[in-house]
Amino acid sequence: MTAAAQKIAQQLGVAETGFRLVINTGKDGGQSVQHLHMHLMGGREVAWPAGRSCRLRRIGRRSSMVR
């Protein structure tokens, strides 16, 4: 999955400046149907702690972080 994420980051043009991968799984990961999935976030500096002063905006099949 991480190798695929690297290729996708290159295709999206965010591999050079960096990106974050987040993996959610299980009940405490917010899932009602158990499966493993990964979020790729890039294109801007990500705040820490994760999610501080940011929200996700869904654009078709892509999401972007906005303040």
N, C-alpha and C. Protein backbone atom coordinates (compact mmCIF):
# COMPACT_ATOMS: atom_id res chain seq x y z
N MET A 1 0.82 -1.19 0.00
CA MET A 1 0.00 0.00 0.00
C MET A 1 0.87 1.26 0.00
N THR A 2 1.97 1.24 0.73
CA THR A 2 2.81 2.44 0.77
C THR A 2 3.49 2.68 -0.57
N ALA A 3 3.85 1.61 -1.29
CA ALA A 3 4.45 1.78 -2.61
C ALA A 3 3.42 2.39 -3.57
N ALA A 4 2.17 1.94 -3.49
CA ALA A 4 1.11 2.51 -4.32
C ALA A 4 0.87 3.97 -3.95
N ALA A 5 0.92 4.29 -2.65
CA ALA A 5 0.73 5.67 -2.20
C ALA A 5 1.83 6.58 -2.76
N GLN A 6 3.05 6.09 -2.80
CA GLN A 6 4.17 6.87 -3.35
C GLN A 6 3.91 7.17 -4.83
N LYS A 7 3.46 6.18 -5.59
CA LYS A 7 3.16 6.39 -7.01
C LYS A 7 2.02 7.39 -7.20
N ILE A 8 0.99 7.28 -6.38
CA ILE A 8 -0.14 8.21 -6.46
C ILE A 8 0.32 9.62 -6.10
N ALA A 9 1.16 9.75 -5.07
CA ALA A 9 1.68 11.07 -4.69
C ALA A 9 2.47 11.69 -5.84
N GLN A 10 3.24 10.88 -6.56
CA GLN A 10 3.97 11.39 -7.72
C GLN A 10 3.01 11.85 -8.80
N GLN A 11 1.96 11.07 -9.06
CA GLN A 11 0.97 11.44 -10.07
C GLN A 11 0.24 12.72 -9.70
N LEU A 12 0.00 12.94 -8.40
CA LEU A 12 -0.70 14.14 -7.93
C LEU A 12 0.24 15.33 -7.77
N GLY A 13 1.53 15.10 -7.90
CA GLY A 13 2.50 16.19 -7.80
C GLY A 13 2.83 16.62 -6.38
N VAL A 14 2.64 15.74 -5.40
CA VAL A 14 2.94 16.11 -4.02
C VAL A 14 4.12 15.33 -3.44
N ALA A 15 4.71 14.44 -4.21
CA ALA A 15 5.81 13.61 -3.70
C ALA A 15 7.05 14.43 -3.38
N GLU A 16 7.32 15.45 -4.15
CA GLU A 16 8.54 16.26 -3.95
C GLU A 16 8.51 17.02 -2.63
N THR A 17 7.37 17.61 -2.29
CA THR A 17 7.30 18.42 -1.07
C THR A 17 6.90 17.61 0.15
N GLY A 18 6.39 16.41 -0.06
CA GLY A 18 6.04 15.53 1.04
C GLY A 18 4.54 15.35 1.21
N PHE A 19 4.19 14.30 1.91
CA PHE A 19 2.78 13.99 2.14
C PHE A 19 2.67 13.15 3.40
N ARG A 20 1.45 13.01 3.89
CA ARG A 20 1.18 12.22 5.09
C ARG A 20 0.28 11.06 4.70
N LEU A 21 0.58 9.88 5.27
CA LEU A 21 -0.28 8.72 5.12
C LEU A 21 -0.92 8.42 6.48
N VAL A 22 -2.23 8.23 6.47
CA VAL A 22 -2.95 7.89 7.69
C VAL A 22 -3.70 6.60 7.43
N ILE A 23 -3.57 5.64 8.33
CA ILE A 23 -4.27 4.36 8.21
C ILE A 23 -5.31 4.27 9.32
N ASN A 24 -6.55 4.02 8.93
CA ASN A 24 -7.63 3.81 9.89
C ASN A 24 -8.09 2.37 9.80
N THR A 25 -8.31 1.76 10.94
CA THR A 25 -8.86 0.41 10.96
C THR A 25 -9.52 0.16 12.31
N GLY A 26 -10.59 -0.59 12.30
CA GLY A 26 -11.25 -0.99 13.53
C GLY A 26 -12.20 0.03 14.11
N LYS A 27 -12.87 -0.38 15.17
CA LYS A 27 -13.88 0.46 15.83
C LYS A 27 -13.30 1.80 16.28
N ASP A 28 -12.15 1.78 16.94
CA ASP A 28 -11.56 3.02 17.42
C ASP A 28 -11.00 3.88 16.29
N GLY A 29 -10.89 3.31 15.11
CA GLY A 29 -10.50 4.06 13.92
C GLY A 29 -11.70 4.66 13.21
N GLY A 30 -12.90 4.50 13.80
CA GLY A 30 -14.11 5.10 13.25
C GLY A 30 -14.81 4.26 12.21
N GLN A 31 -14.56 2.96 12.21
CA GLN A 31 -15.16 2.10 11.19
C GLN A 31 -16.29 1.25 11.76
N SER A 32 -17.34 1.08 10.95
CA SER A 32 -18.40 0.14 11.30
C SER A 32 -18.25 -1.14 10.49
N VAL A 33 -17.61 -1.06 9.33
CA VAL A 33 -17.28 -2.22 8.52
C VAL A 33 -15.77 -2.37 8.56
N GLN A 34 -15.28 -3.48 9.11
CA GLN A 34 -13.85 -3.66 9.32
C GLN A 34 -13.08 -3.83 8.01
N HIS A 35 -12.16 -2.94 7.76
CA HIS A 35 -11.27 -3.01 6.61
C HIS A 35 -10.11 -2.06 6.85
N LEU A 36 -9.07 -2.22 6.10
CA LEU A 36 -7.91 -1.36 6.19
C LEU A 36 -7.94 -0.40 5.02
N HIS A 37 -7.78 0.89 5.28
CA HIS A 37 -7.66 1.86 4.20
C HIS A 37 -6.68 2.94 4.60
N MET A 38 -6.20 3.65 3.61
CA MET A 38 -5.16 4.65 3.82
C MET A 38 -5.60 5.98 3.20
N HIS A 39 -5.31 7.06 3.90
CA HIS A 39 -5.55 8.41 3.38
C HIS A 39 -4.20 9.02 3.02
N LEU A 40 -4.10 9.61 1.85
CA LEU A 40 -2.89 10.32 1.42
C LEU A 40 -3.22 11.80 1.44
N MET A 41 -2.47 12.57 2.23
CA MET A 41 -2.72 14.01 2.34
C MET A 41 -1.45 14.76 1.96
N GLY A 42 -1.58 15.69 1.05
CA GLY A 42 -0.43 16.46 0.62
C GLY A 42 -0.88 17.73 -0.08
N GLY A 43 0.09 18.50 -0.51
CA GLY A 43 -0.22 19.73 -1.22
C GLY A 43 -0.20 20.97 -0.35
N ARG A 44 0.03 20.80 0.94
CA ARG A 44 0.14 21.91 1.88
C ARG A 44 0.79 21.39 3.14
N GLU A 45 1.31 22.29 3.95
CA GLU A 45 1.89 21.88 5.22
C GLU A 45 0.78 21.42 6.14
N VAL A 46 0.95 20.27 6.77
CA VAL A 46 -0.06 19.71 7.65
C VAL A 46 0.20 20.16 9.07
N ALA A 47 -0.85 20.61 9.75
CA ALA A 47 -0.73 21.08 11.13
C ALA A 47 -0.50 19.90 12.07
N TRP A 48 0.12 20.18 13.22
CA TRP A 48 0.27 19.16 14.25
C TRP A 48 -0.19 19.76 15.56
N PRO A 49 -0.99 19.10 16.34
CA PRO A 49 -1.44 17.74 16.10
C PRO A 49 -2.37 17.65 14.89
N ALA A 50 -2.41 16.47 14.33
CA ALA A 50 -3.19 16.25 13.11
C ALA A 50 -4.62 16.74 13.29
N GLY A 51 -5.10 17.48 12.28
CA GLY A 51 -6.48 17.96 12.30
C GLY A 51 -6.67 19.31 12.96
N ARG A 52 -5.66 19.84 13.64
CA ARG A 52 -5.79 21.13 14.30
C ARG A 52 -6.03 22.23 13.28
N SER A 53 -7.07 22.98 13.44
CA SER A 53 -7.41 24.11 12.57
C SER A 53 -7.54 23.71 11.11
N CYS A 54 -7.85 22.47 10.83
CA CYS A 54 -8.00 22.00 9.47
C CYS A 54 -9.28 21.18 9.35
N ARG A 55 -9.81 21.13 8.15
CA ARG A 55 -10.92 20.22 7.88
C ARG A 55 -10.73 19.67 6.48
N LEU A 56 -11.29 18.51 6.23
CA LEU A 56 -11.18 17.89 4.91
C LEU A 56 -12.28 18.39 4.01
N ARG A 57 -11.95 18.72 2.79
CA ARG A 57 -12.93 19.08 1.78
C ARG A 57 -12.86 18.01 0.71
N ARG A 58 -13.98 17.35 0.45
CA ARG A 58 -14.02 16.27 -0.52
C ARG A 58 -14.24 16.85 -1.91
N ILE A 59 -13.38 16.47 -2.85
CA ILE A 59 -13.47 16.93 -4.23
C ILE A 59 -13.49 15.68 -5.10
N GLY A 60 -14.68 15.24 -5.49
CA GLY A 60 -14.78 14.01 -6.27
C GLY A 60 -14.19 12.87 -5.49
N ARG A 61 -13.22 12.18 -6.07
CA ARG A 61 -12.57 11.07 -5.39
C ARG A 61 -11.35 11.53 -4.61
N ARG A 62 -11.04 12.84 -4.66
CA ARG A 62 -9.88 13.38 -3.94
C ARG A 62 -10.34 14.24 -2.78
N SER A 63 -9.54 14.34 -1.78
CA SER A 63 -9.81 15.24 -0.66
C SER A 63 -8.64 16.18 -0.50
N SER A 64 -8.90 17.36 -0.01
CA SER A 64 -7.81 18.29 0.26
C SER A 64 -8.03 18.92 1.61
N MET A 65 -6.94 19.25 2.30
CA MET A 65 -7.02 19.89 3.59
C MET A 65 -7.17 21.39 3.39
N VAL A 66 -8.09 22.00 4.13
CA VAL A 66 -8.27 23.44 4.08
C VAL A 66 -8.33 23.97 5.50
N ARG A 67 -7.95 25.22 5.67
CA ARG A 67 -8.04 25.85 7.01
C ARG A 67 -9.36 26.53 7.15
